């Protein structure tokens, strides 16, 4: 893995170095064996544009033999796990909607066959048991000679567990154990901030952070707070769609009794995704 130092900040009794290490967080999963879906086919015949999509099952919508142009389909989903979902298999644009069909994400481009790996999939932070809708605006299709040159649009999603303890305020910050990853997520539509605490007896403390979100412009931020010489200092790391770096803060202190706080937030109301923190 390659590392590069981005910035060094010095304070009274403290030195802070930000580095990033190349390390992918997520990638497009292999879709389950593509299988014919009677539910989707029946809905297509009836002209229904709101369809149920089962998790971890690659399904397709039959648009017929005439070139469809741009077509919009709404897929109703119910994730089986709290954490994040990976959406893939489409060509076009995807927006995540809540149970009331209101947008809770940006409108993101996706192309399952793109040479840019991060464009092959989209990640969203979700809560188990909640109903969401994937608004898919298809602009590209698969054409099958085996079925009289009909056009198909594919859809697939799978959830990954990323839940972990956190505090809802600085006073209730959850303590991170040394060298152990703490997983977390930002659910779509949620404005909740998550607080963590590091209690270090080391003069040199390294905090690691990486993750994934729904879009490059929608980031999850981890802000580190610490005190020195009667002053409070802070530094922020950010993760986003397609992030391939392990972000690192190195704090050097003259004391062996240090407490650092970490606040994880979304950058805007359309941000969701998942992350992990660790320190050594």
C-alpha atoms as a PDB file:
ATOM      1  CA  UNK A   1       0.000   0.000   0.000  1.00  0.00           C
ATOM      2  CA  UNK A   2       1.276   3.478  -0.874  1.00  0.00           C
ATOM      3  CA  UNK A   3       1.209   6.376   1.579  1.00  0.00           C
ATOM      4  CA  UNK A   4       1.681  10.085   1.119  1.00  0.00           C
ATOM      5  CA  UNK A   5       1.866  12.877   3.674  1.00  0.00           C
ATOM      6  CA  UNK A   6      -0.626  15.639   2.947  1.00  0.00           C
ATOM      7  CA  UNK A   7      -0.222  18.078   5.806  1.00  0.00           C
ATOM      8  CA  UNK A   8       1.523  18.569   9.138  1.00  0.00           C
ATOM      9  CA  UNK A   9       0.098  20.846  11.844  1.00  0.00           C
ATOM     10  CA  UNK A  10       2.084  21.806  14.955  1.00  0.00           C
ATOM     11  CA  UNK A  11       0.661  23.111  18.230  1.00  0.00           C
ATOM     12  CA  UNK A  12       1.988  23.666  21.717  1.00  0.00           C
ATOM     13  CA  UNK A  13       3.103  20.239  22.921  1.00  0.00           C
ATOM     14  CA  UNK A  14       1.445  18.544  19.928  1.00  0.00           C
ATOM     15  CA  UNK A  15       2.317  17.685  16.350  1.00  0.00           C
ATOM     16  CA  UNK A  16      -0.384  16.481  13.983  1.00  0.00           C
ATOM     17  CA  UNK A  17       0.347  14.751  10.677  1.00  0.00           C
ATOM     18  CA  UNK A  18      -2.308  13.796   8.136  1.00  0.00           C
ATOM     19  CA  UNK A  19      -1.486  10.965   5.755  1.00  0.00           C
ATOM     20  CA  UNK A  20      -3.505   8.786   3.410  1.00  0.00           C
ATOM     21  CA  UNK A  21      -2.774   5.210   2.415  1.00  0.00           C
ATOM     22  CA  UNK A  22      -4.145   3.623  -0.764  1.00  0.00           C
ATOM     23  CA  UNK A  23      -6.658   1.026   0.409  1.00  0.00           C
ATOM     24  CA  UNK A  24     -10.060   0.292  -1.185  1.00  0.00           C
ATOM     25  CA  UNK A  25     -13.014   0.175   1.202  1.00  0.00           C
ATOM     26  CA  UNK A  26     -15.618  -1.352  -1.082  1.00  0.00           C
ATOM     27  CA  UNK A  27     -16.064  -2.608  -4.599  1.00  0.00           C
ATOM     28  CA  UNK A  28     -18.847  -3.811  -6.850  1.00  0.00           C
ATOM     29  CA  UNK A  29     -19.873  -7.336  -5.799  1.00  0.00           C
ATOM     30  CA  UNK A  30     -20.404 -10.084  -8.315  1.00  0.00           C
ATOM     31  CA  UNK A  31     -24.132 -10.203  -8.959  1.00  0.00           C
ATOM     32  CA  UNK A  32     -25.897 -13.392  -8.030  1.00  0.00           C
ATOM     33  CA  UNK A  33     -26.644 -15.651 -10.977  1.00  0.00           C
ATOM     34  CA  UNK A  34     -28.915 -13.668 -13.274  1.00  0.00           C
ATOM     35  CA  UNK A  35     -32.297 -15.283 -13.083  1.00  0.00           C
ATOM     36  CA  UNK A  36     -35.634 -14.755 -14.728  1.00  0.00           C
ATOM     37  CA  UNK A  37     -38.053 -12.935 -12.428  1.00  0.00           C
ATOM     38  CA  UNK A  38     -41.763 -13.616 -13.074  1.00  0.00           C
ATOM     39  CA  UNK A  39     -42.679 -10.683 -10.781  1.00  0.00           C
ATOM     40  CA  UNK A  40     -40.700  -8.180 -12.828  1.00  0.00           C
ATOM     41  CA  UNK A  41     -41.885  -9.636 -16.105  1.00  0.00           C
ATOM     42  CA  UNK A  42     -45.532  -9.523 -15.056  1.00  0.00           C
ATOM     43  CA  UNK A  43     -45.184  -5.957 -13.845  1.00  0.00           C
ATOM     44  CA  UNK A  44     -43.578  -4.962 -17.121  1.00  0.00           C
ATOM     45  CA  UNK A  45     -46.484  -6.441 -19.052  1.00  0.00           C
ATOM     46  CA  UNK A  46     -48.976  -4.539 -16.911  1.00  0.00           C
ATOM     47  CA  UNK A  47     -47.037  -1.300 -17.267  1.00  0.00           C
ATOM     48  CA  UNK A  48     -46.401  -1.013 -13.517  1.00  0.00           C
ATOM     49  CA  UNK A  49     -43.280   1.102 -12.830  1.00  0.00           C
ATOM     50  CA  UNK A  50     -42.953   0.386  -9.080  1.00  0.00           C
ATOM     51  CA  UNK A  51     -41.430  -3.049  -8.559  1.00  0.00           C
ATOM     52  CA  UNK A  52     -40.295  -5.098  -5.559  1.00  0.00           C
ATOM     53  CA  UNK A  53     -36.616  -6.088  -5.678  1.00  0.00           C
ATOM     54  CA  UNK A  54     -35.366  -8.920  -3.445  1.00  0.00           C
ATOM     55  CA  UNK A  55     -31.927  -8.594  -1.877  1.00  0.00           C
ATOM     56  CA  UNK A  56     -28.965 -10.417  -3.444  1.00  0.00           C
ATOM     57  CA  UNK A  57     -31.003 -11.421  -6.493  1.00  0.00           C
ATOM     58  CA  UNK A  58     -30.084 -10.065  -9.906  1.00  0.00           C
ATOM     59  CA  UNK A  59     -33.319  -9.237 -11.713  1.00  0.00           C
ATOM     60  CA  UNK A  60     -34.185  -7.556 -14.970  1.00  0.00           C
ATOM     61  CA  UNK A  61     -36.961  -5.530 -16.541  1.00  0.00           C
ATOM     62  CA  UNK A  62     -37.988  -6.353 -20.111  1.00  0.00           C
ATOM     63  CA  UNK A  63     -38.530  -3.157 -22.137  1.00  0.00           C
ATOM     64  CA  UNK A  64     -39.499  -4.944 -25.358  1.00  0.00           C
ATOM     65  CA  UNK A  65     -37.987  -4.866 -28.866  1.00  0.00           C
ATOM     66  CA  UNK A  66     -38.218  -1.124 -29.565  1.00  0.00           C
ATOM     67  CA  UNK A  67     -35.300   0.962 -28.252  1.00  0.00           C
ATOM     68  CA  UNK A  68     -36.622   2.378 -24.929  1.00  0.00           C
ATOM     69  CA  UNK A  69     -34.720   5.666 -24.787  1.00  0.00           C
ATOM     70  CA  UNK A  70     -34.637   6.910 -21.181  1.00  0.00           C
ATOM     71  CA  UNK A  71     -36.932   4.921 -18.889  1.00  0.00           C
ATOM     72  CA  UNK A  72     -37.517   5.351 -15.140  1.00  0.00           C
ATOM     73  CA  UNK A  73     -38.261   2.396 -12.864  1.00  0.00           C
ATOM     74  CA  UNK A  74     -38.806   2.512  -9.086  1.00  0.00           C
ATOM     75  CA  UNK A  75     -37.563  -0.527  -7.168  1.00  0.00           C
ATOM     76  CA  UNK A  76     -38.936  -1.049  -3.654  1.00  0.00           C
ATOM     77  CA  UNK A  77     -36.310  -2.562  -1.337  1.00  0.00           C
ATOM     78  CA  UNK A  78     -36.107  -3.678   2.308  1.00  0.00           C
ATOM     79  CA  UNK A  79     -32.467  -4.173   3.400  1.00  0.00           C
ATOM     80  CA  UNK A  80     -31.801  -7.191   5.594  1.00  0.00           C
ATOM     81  CA  UNK A  81     -28.917  -5.542   7.472  1.00  0.00           C
ATOM     82  CA  UNK A  82     -28.135  -2.204   9.113  1.00  0.00           C
ATOM     83  CA  UNK A  83     -25.073  -0.585   7.572  1.00  0.00           C
ATOM     84  CA  UNK A  84     -24.855   0.079   3.858  1.00  0.00           C
ATOM     85  CA  UNK A  85     -26.154  -1.335   0.605  1.00  0.00           C
ATOM     86  CA  UNK A  86     -24.289  -1.760  -2.644  1.00  0.00           C
ATOM     87  CA  UNK A  87     -26.369  -1.070  -5.762  1.00  0.00           C
ATOM     88  CA  UNK A  88     -25.077  -2.235  -9.139  1.00  0.00           C
ATOM     89  CA  UNK A  89     -25.982  -3.700 -12.540  1.00  0.00           C
ATOM     90  CA  UNK A  90     -27.519  -0.550 -14.037  1.00  0.00           C
ATOM     91  CA  UNK A  91     -26.633   1.956 -16.760  1.00  0.00           C
ATOM     92  CA  UNK A  92     -27.939   5.443 -16.060  1.00  0.00           C
ATOM     93  CA  UNK A  93     -28.742   7.396 -12.890  1.00  0.00           C
ATOM     94  CA  UNK A  94     -29.872   6.261  -9.434  1.00  0.00           C
ATOM     95  CA  UNK A  95     -31.507   8.205  -6.583  1.00  0.00           C
ATOM     96  CA  UNK A  96     -32.386   6.672  -3.216  1.00  0.00           C
ATOM     97  CA  UNK A  97     -35.852   7.572  -1.866  1.00  0.00           C
ATOM     98  CA  UNK A  98     -37.278   7.000   1.603  1.00  0.00           C
ATOM     99  CA  UNK A  99     -40.515   5.153   2.343  1.00  0.00           C
ATOM    100  CA  UNK A 100     -42.504   8.272   1.446  1.00  0.00           C
ATOM    101  CA  UNK A 101     -40.700   8.420  -1.915  1.00  0.00           C
ATOM    102  CA  UNK A 102     -38.802  11.587  -1.030  1.00  0.00           C
ATOM    103  CA  UNK A 103     -35.171  11.806  -2.234  1.00  0.00           C
ATOM    104  CA  UNK A 104     -32.561  11.156   0.484  1.00  0.00           C
ATOM    105  CA  UNK A 105     -29.519  11.021  -1.812  1.00  0.00           C
ATOM    106  CA  UNK A 106     -27.968  12.784  -4.749  1.00  0.00           C
ATOM    107  CA  UNK A 107     -28.738  11.685  -8.300  1.00  0.00           C
ATOM    108  CA  UNK A 108     -25.699   9.536  -9.132  1.00  0.00           C
ATOM    109  CA  UNK A 109     -24.403   8.167 -12.420  1.00  0.00           C
ATOM    110  CA  UNK A 110     -23.767   4.421 -12.607  1.00  0.00           C
ATOM    111  CA  UNK A 111     -22.335   2.203 -15.348  1.00  0.00           C
ATOM    112  CA  UNK A 112     -21.743  -1.445 -14.454  1.00  0.00           C
ATOM    113  CA  UNK A 113     -19.229  -1.857 -17.298  1.00  0.00           C
ATOM    114  CA  UNK A 114     -17.319   1.389 -16.706  1.00  0.00           C
ATOM    115  CA  UNK A 115     -13.506   1.272 -16.704  1.00  0.00           C
ATOM    116  CA  UNK A 116     -13.661   3.489 -13.586  1.00  0.00           C
ATOM    117  CA  UNK A 117     -14.381   0.980 -10.818  1.00  0.00           C
ATOM    118  CA  UNK A 118     -16.205   3.444  -8.532  1.00  0.00           C
ATOM    119  CA  UNK A 119     -18.814   4.123 -11.254  1.00  0.00           C
ATOM    120  CA  UNK A 120     -19.813   0.452 -11.306  1.00  0.00           C
ATOM    121  CA  UNK A 121     -21.659   0.650  -7.987  1.00  0.00           C
ATOM    122  CA  UNK A 122     -23.217   3.056  -5.463  1.00  0.00           C
ATOM    123  CA  UNK A 123     -23.285   2.710  -1.667  1.00  0.00           C
ATOM    124  CA  UNK A 124     -26.010   4.057   0.624  1.00  0.00           C
ATOM    125  CA  UNK A 125     -26.295   3.965   4.420  1.00  0.00           C
ATOM    126  CA  UNK A 126     -29.489   2.142   5.455  1.00  0.00           C
ATOM    127  CA  UNK A 127     -31.363   0.751   8.447  1.00  0.00           C
ATOM    128  CA  UNK A 128     -32.588  -2.838   8.554  1.00  0.00           C
ATOM    129  CA  UNK A 129     -36.315  -3.266   8.035  1.00  0.00           C
ATOM    130  CA  UNK A 130     -36.889   0.196   6.568  1.00  0.00           C
ATOM    131  CA  UNK A 131     -38.543   0.566   3.171  1.00  0.00           C
ATOM    132  CA  UNK A 132     -36.590   2.456   0.508  1.00  0.00           C
ATOM    133  CA  UNK A 133     -37.020   3.003  -3.202  1.00  0.00           C
ATOM    134  CA  UNK A 134     -34.329   3.041  -5.871  1.00  0.00           C
ATOM    135  CA  UNK A 135     -35.293   5.473  -8.593  1.00  0.00           C
ATOM    136  CA  UNK A 136     -33.403   4.174 -11.628  1.00  0.00           C
ATOM    137  CA  UNK A 137     -33.281   6.271 -14.804  1.00  0.00           C
ATOM    138  CA  UNK A 138     -32.057   3.800 -17.407  1.00  0.00           C
ATOM    139  CA  UNK A 139     -30.073   5.304 -20.291  1.00  0.00           C
ATOM    140  CA  UNK A 140     -28.364   2.082 -21.411  1.00  0.00           C
ATOM    141  CA  UNK A 141     -29.612  -1.456 -21.883  1.00  0.00           C
ATOM    142  CA  UNK A 142     -28.630  -5.044 -22.590  1.00  0.00           C
ATOM    143  CA  UNK A 143     -29.922  -6.353 -25.909  1.00  0.00           C
ATOM    144  CA  UNK A 144     -30.450 -10.108 -26.233  1.00  0.00           C
ATOM    145  CA  UNK A 145     -30.484 -11.858 -29.624  1.00  0.00           C
ATOM    146  CA  UNK A 146     -31.683 -14.991 -27.817  1.00  0.00           C
ATOM    147  CA  UNK A 147     -34.971 -13.270 -26.994  1.00  0.00           C
ATOM    148  CA  UNK A 148     -35.769 -11.649 -30.346  1.00  0.00           C
ATOM    149  CA  UNK A 149     -33.496  -8.627 -29.721  1.00  0.00           C
ATOM    150  CA  UNK A 150     -35.384  -7.373 -26.679  1.00  0.00           C
ATOM    151  CA  UNK A 151     -33.909  -4.698 -24.392  1.00  0.00           C
ATOM    152  CA  UNK A 152     -33.345  -5.352 -20.693  1.00  0.00           C
ATOM    153  CA  UNK A 153     -32.484  -3.225 -17.669  1.00  0.00           C
ATOM    154  CA  UNK A 154     -30.815  -4.987 -14.745  1.00  0.00           C
ATOM    155  CA  UNK A 155     -30.978  -4.238 -11.022  1.00  0.00           C
ATOM    156  CA  UNK A 156     -29.190  -5.660  -7.977  1.00  0.00           C
ATOM    157  CA  UNK A 157     -28.490  -4.694  -4.357  1.00  0.00           C
ATOM    158  CA  UNK A 158     -26.944  -6.279  -1.289  1.00  0.00           C
ATOM    159  CA  UNK A 159     -26.593  -5.035   2.303  1.00  0.00           C
ATOM    160  CA  UNK A 160     -23.516  -5.205   4.546  1.00  0.00           C
ATOM    161  CA  UNK A 161     -23.577  -4.894   8.347  1.00  0.00           C
ATOM    162  CA  UNK A 162     -21.628  -1.848   9.589  1.00  0.00           C
ATOM    163  CA  UNK A 163     -23.253  -1.013  12.908  1.00  0.00           C
ATOM    164  CA  UNK A 164     -21.187  -0.312  16.019  1.00  0.00           C
ATOM    165  CA  UNK A 165     -21.452   1.517  19.354  1.00  0.00           C
ATOM    166  CA  UNK A 166     -21.335   5.317  19.303  1.00  0.00           C
ATOM    167  CA  UNK A 167     -22.315   8.268  21.469  1.00  0.00           C
ATOM    168  CA  UNK A 168     -24.916  10.865  20.551  1.00  0.00           C
ATOM    169  CA  UNK A 169     -22.954  13.663  22.227  1.00  0.00           C
ATOM    170  CA  UNK A 170     -19.414  14.460  23.331  1.00  0.00           C
ATOM    171  CA  UNK A 171     -20.293  13.659  26.946  1.00  0.00           C
ATOM    172  CA  UNK A 172     -21.590  10.246  25.876  1.00  0.00           C
ATOM    173  CA  UNK A 173     -18.791   9.468  23.418  1.00  0.00           C
ATOM    174  CA  UNK A 174     -18.095   5.750  22.978  1.00  0.00           C
ATOM    175  CA  UNK A 175     -14.534   4.744  23.881  1.00  0.00           C
ATOM    176  CA  UNK A 176     -12.514   3.109  21.094  1.00  0.00           C
ATOM    177  CA  UNK A 177     -10.286   0.183  22.049  1.00  0.00           C
ATOM    178  CA  UNK A 178      -6.722   0.307  20.795  1.00  0.00           C
ATOM    179  CA  UNK A 179      -6.052  -1.496  17.475  1.00  0.00           C
ATOM    180  CA  UNK A 180      -9.703  -2.544  17.072  1.00  0.00           C
ATOM    181  CA  UNK A 181     -11.859  -1.315  14.203  1.00  0.00           C
ATOM    182  CA  UNK A 182     -15.105   0.406  15.117  1.00  0.00           C
ATOM    183  CA  UNK A 183     -17.624   0.237  12.295  1.00  0.00           C
ATOM    184  CA  UNK A 184     -20.336   2.800  11.748  1.00  0.00           C
ATOM    185  CA  UNK A 185     -22.789   4.147   9.213  1.00  0.00           C
ATOM    186  CA  UNK A 186     -24.705   7.282   8.340  1.00  0.00           C
ATOM    187  CA  UNK A 187     -28.245   6.294   7.381  1.00  0.00           C
ATOM    188  CA  UNK A 188     -29.853   8.037   4.428  1.00  0.00           C
ATOM    189  CA  UNK A 189     -31.981  10.923   5.669  1.00  0.00           C
ATOM    190  CA  UNK A 190     -30.470  10.893   9.176  1.00  0.00           C
ATOM    191  CA  UNK A 191     -28.765  13.970  10.643  1.00  0.00           C
ATOM    192  CA  UNK A 192     -27.408  12.143  13.722  1.00  0.00           C
ATOM    193  CA  UNK A 193     -23.771  12.870  14.602  1.00  0.00           C
ATOM    194  CA  UNK A 194     -21.730  10.062  16.165  1.00  0.00           C
ATOM    195  CA  UNK A 195     -19.130  10.630  18.880  1.00  0.00           C
ATOM    196  CA  UNK A 196     -16.118   8.518  19.846  1.00  0.00           C
ATOM    197  CA  UNK A 197     -13.328   8.873  22.406  1.00  0.00           C
ATOM    198  CA  UNK A 198      -9.685   7.803  22.408  1.00  0.00           C
ATOM    199  CA  UNK A 199      -7.887   7.504  25.751  1.00  0.00           C
ATOM    200  CA  UNK A 200      -4.203   7.110  24.983  1.00  0.00           C
ATOM    201  CA  UNK A 201      -1.172   6.772  27.254  1.00  0.00           C
ATOM    202  CA  UNK A 202       1.103   6.962  24.248  1.00  0.00           C
ATOM    203  CA  UNK A 203       3.042  10.066  23.293  1.00  0.00           C
ATOM    204  CA  UNK A 204       2.320   9.202  19.653  1.00  0.00           C
ATOM    205  CA  UNK A 205      -1.265   8.321  18.713  1.00  0.00           C
ATOM    206  CA  UNK A 206      -2.415   7.399  15.203  1.00  0.00           C
ATOM    207  CA  UNK A 207      -6.116   7.589  14.270  1.00  0.00           C
ATOM    208  CA  UNK A 208      -7.299   5.803  11.111  1.00  0.00           C
ATOM    209  CA  UNK A 209     -10.453   6.557   9.122  1.00  0.00           C
ATOM    210  CA  UNK A 210     -11.930   5.404   5.806  1.00  0.00           C
ATOM    211  CA  UNK A 211     -15.315   4.640   4.301  1.00  0.00           C
ATOM    212  CA  UNK A 212     -17.686   4.981   1.377  1.00  0.00           C
ATOM    213  CA  UNK A 213     -20.659   7.200   0.443  1.00  0.00           C
ATOM    214  CA  UNK A 214     -23.230   7.597  -2.312  1.00  0.00           C
ATOM    215  CA  UNK A 215     -21.411  10.320  -4.257  1.00  0.00           C
ATOM    216  CA  UNK A 216     -18.035  12.059  -4.620  1.00  0.00           C
ATOM    217  CA  UNK A 217     -19.563  15.389  -3.533  1.00  0.00           C
ATOM    218  CA  UNK A 218     -21.286  13.795  -0.514  1.00  0.00           C
ATOM    219  CA  UNK A 219     -18.705  13.004   2.158  1.00  0.00           C
ATOM    220  CA  UNK A 220     -18.621  11.601   5.681  1.00  0.00           C
ATOM    221  CA  UNK A 221     -16.348  13.667   7.934  1.00  0.00           C
ATOM    222  CA  UNK A 222     -14.410  12.586  11.025  1.00  0.00           C
ATOM    223  CA  UNK A 223     -13.288  15.606  13.065  1.00  0.00           C
ATOM    224  CA  UNK A 224     -10.676  15.016  15.772  1.00  0.00           C
ATOM    225  CA  UNK A 225     -10.748  17.372  18.800  1.00  0.00           C
ATOM    226  CA  UNK A 226      -7.907  17.699  21.300  1.00  0.00           C
ATOM    227  CA  UNK A 227      -6.621  20.224  23.849  1.00  0.00           C
ATOM    228  CA  UNK A 228      -3.134  21.578  24.430  1.00  0.00           C
ATOM    229  CA  UNK A 229      -1.898  24.594  26.395  1.00  0.00           C
ATOM    230  CA  UNK A 230      -5.449  25.589  27.288  1.00  0.00           C
ATOM    231  CA  UNK A 231      -6.545  25.652  23.644  1.00  0.00           C
ATOM    232  CA  UNK A 232      -8.800  23.290  21.674  1.00  0.00           C
ATOM    233  CA  UNK A 233      -7.579  22.145  18.267  1.00  0.00           C
ATOM    234  CA  UNK A 234      -9.298  20.128  15.588  1.00  0.00           C
ATOM    235  CA  UNK A 235      -8.562  18.431  12.281  1.00  0.00           C
ATOM    236  CA  UNK A 236     -10.904  16.777   9.795  1.00  0.00           C
ATOM    237  CA  UNK A 237     -10.669  13.708   7.575  1.00  0.00           C
ATOM    238  CA  UNK A 238     -13.256  12.991   4.856  1.00  0.00           C
ATOM    239  CA  UNK A 239     -14.328   9.897   2.941  1.00  0.00           C
ATOM    240  CA  UNK A 240     -16.524   9.738  -0.162  1.00  0.00           C
ATOM    241  CA  UNK A 241     -17.709   7.596  -3.082  1.00  0.00           C
ATOM    242  CA  UNK A 242     -14.807   5.721  -4.634  1.00  0.00           C
ATOM    243  CA  UNK A 243     -12.425   6.625  -1.787  1.00  0.00           C
ATOM    244  CA  UNK A 244      -9.342   4.393  -2.001  1.00  0.00           C
ATOM    245  CA  UNK A 245      -7.375   5.891   0.873  1.00  0.00           C
ATOM    246  CA  UNK A 246      -6.934   4.998   4.514  1.00  0.00           C
ATOM    247  CA  UNK A 247      -6.822   8.467   6.096  1.00  0.00           C
ATOM    248  CA  UNK A 248      -4.519   8.850   9.077  1.00  0.00           C
ATOM    249  CA  UNK A 249      -3.999  11.448  11.812  1.00  0.00           C
ATOM    250  CA  UNK A 250      -0.824  11.182  13.851  1.00  0.00           C
ATOM    251  CA  UNK A 251      -0.834  13.197  17.075  1.00  0.00           C
ATOM    252  CA  UNK A 252       2.386  13.586  19.061  1.00  0.00           C
ATOM    253  CA  UNK A 253       2.013  14.771  22.640  1.00  0.00           C
ATOM    254  CA  UNK A 254       4.408  15.498  25.514  1.00  0.00           C
ATOM    255  CA  UNK A 255       1.916  13.880  27.906  1.00  0.00           C
ATOM    256  CA  UNK A 256       1.176  10.220  28.493  1.00  0.00           C
ATOM    257  CA  UNK A 257      -2.414  10.935  29.559  1.00  0.00           C
ATOM    258  CA  UNK A 258      -4.327  12.055  26.482  1.00  0.00           C
ATOM    259  CA  UNK A 259      -8.005  12.099  25.569  1.00  0.00           C
ATOM    260  CA  UNK A 260      -9.091  12.787  22.009  1.00  0.00           C
ATOM    261  CA  UNK A 261     -12.676  13.086  20.751  1.00  0.00           C
ATOM    262  CA  UNK A 262     -13.904  12.201  17.263  1.00  0.00           C
ATOM    263  CA  UNK A 263     -17.164  13.483  15.785  1.00  0.00           C
ATOM    264  CA  UNK A 264     -18.484  11.764  12.639  1.00  0.00           C
ATOM    265  CA  UNK A 265     -20.990  13.736  10.548  1.00  0.00           C
ATOM    266  CA  UNK A 266     -22.415  13.953   7.056  1.00  0.00           C
ATOM    267  CA  UNK A 267     -21.357  16.818   4.789  1.00  0.00           C
ATOM    268  CA  UNK A 268     -24.918  17.573   3.603  1.00  0.00           C
ATOM    269  CA  UNK A 269     -28.493  16.286   3.763  1.00  0.00           C
ATOM    270  CA  UNK A 270     -27.973  13.928   0.792  1.00  0.00           C
ATOM    271  CA  UNK A 271     -24.983  12.092   2.287  1.00  0.00           C
ATOM    272  CA  UNK A 272     -25.134   8.506   3.513  1.00  0.00           C
ATOM    273  CA  UNK A 273     -22.678   5.640   3.695  1.00  0.00           C
ATOM    274  CA  UNK A 274     -20.433   3.704   6.057  1.00  0.00           C
ATOM    275  CA  UNK A 275     -16.993   3.948   7.658  1.00  0.00           C
ATOM    276  CA  UNK A 276     -14.618   2.574  10.258  1.00  0.00           C
ATOM    277  CA  UNK A 277     -12.294   4.110  12.844  1.00  0.00           C
ATOM    278  CA  UNK A 278      -9.235   2.665  14.577  1.00  0.00           C
ATOM    279  CA  UNK A 279      -6.299   3.962  16.599  1.00  0.00           C
ATOM    280  CA  UNK A 280      -2.881   2.752  17.655  1.00  0.00           C
END
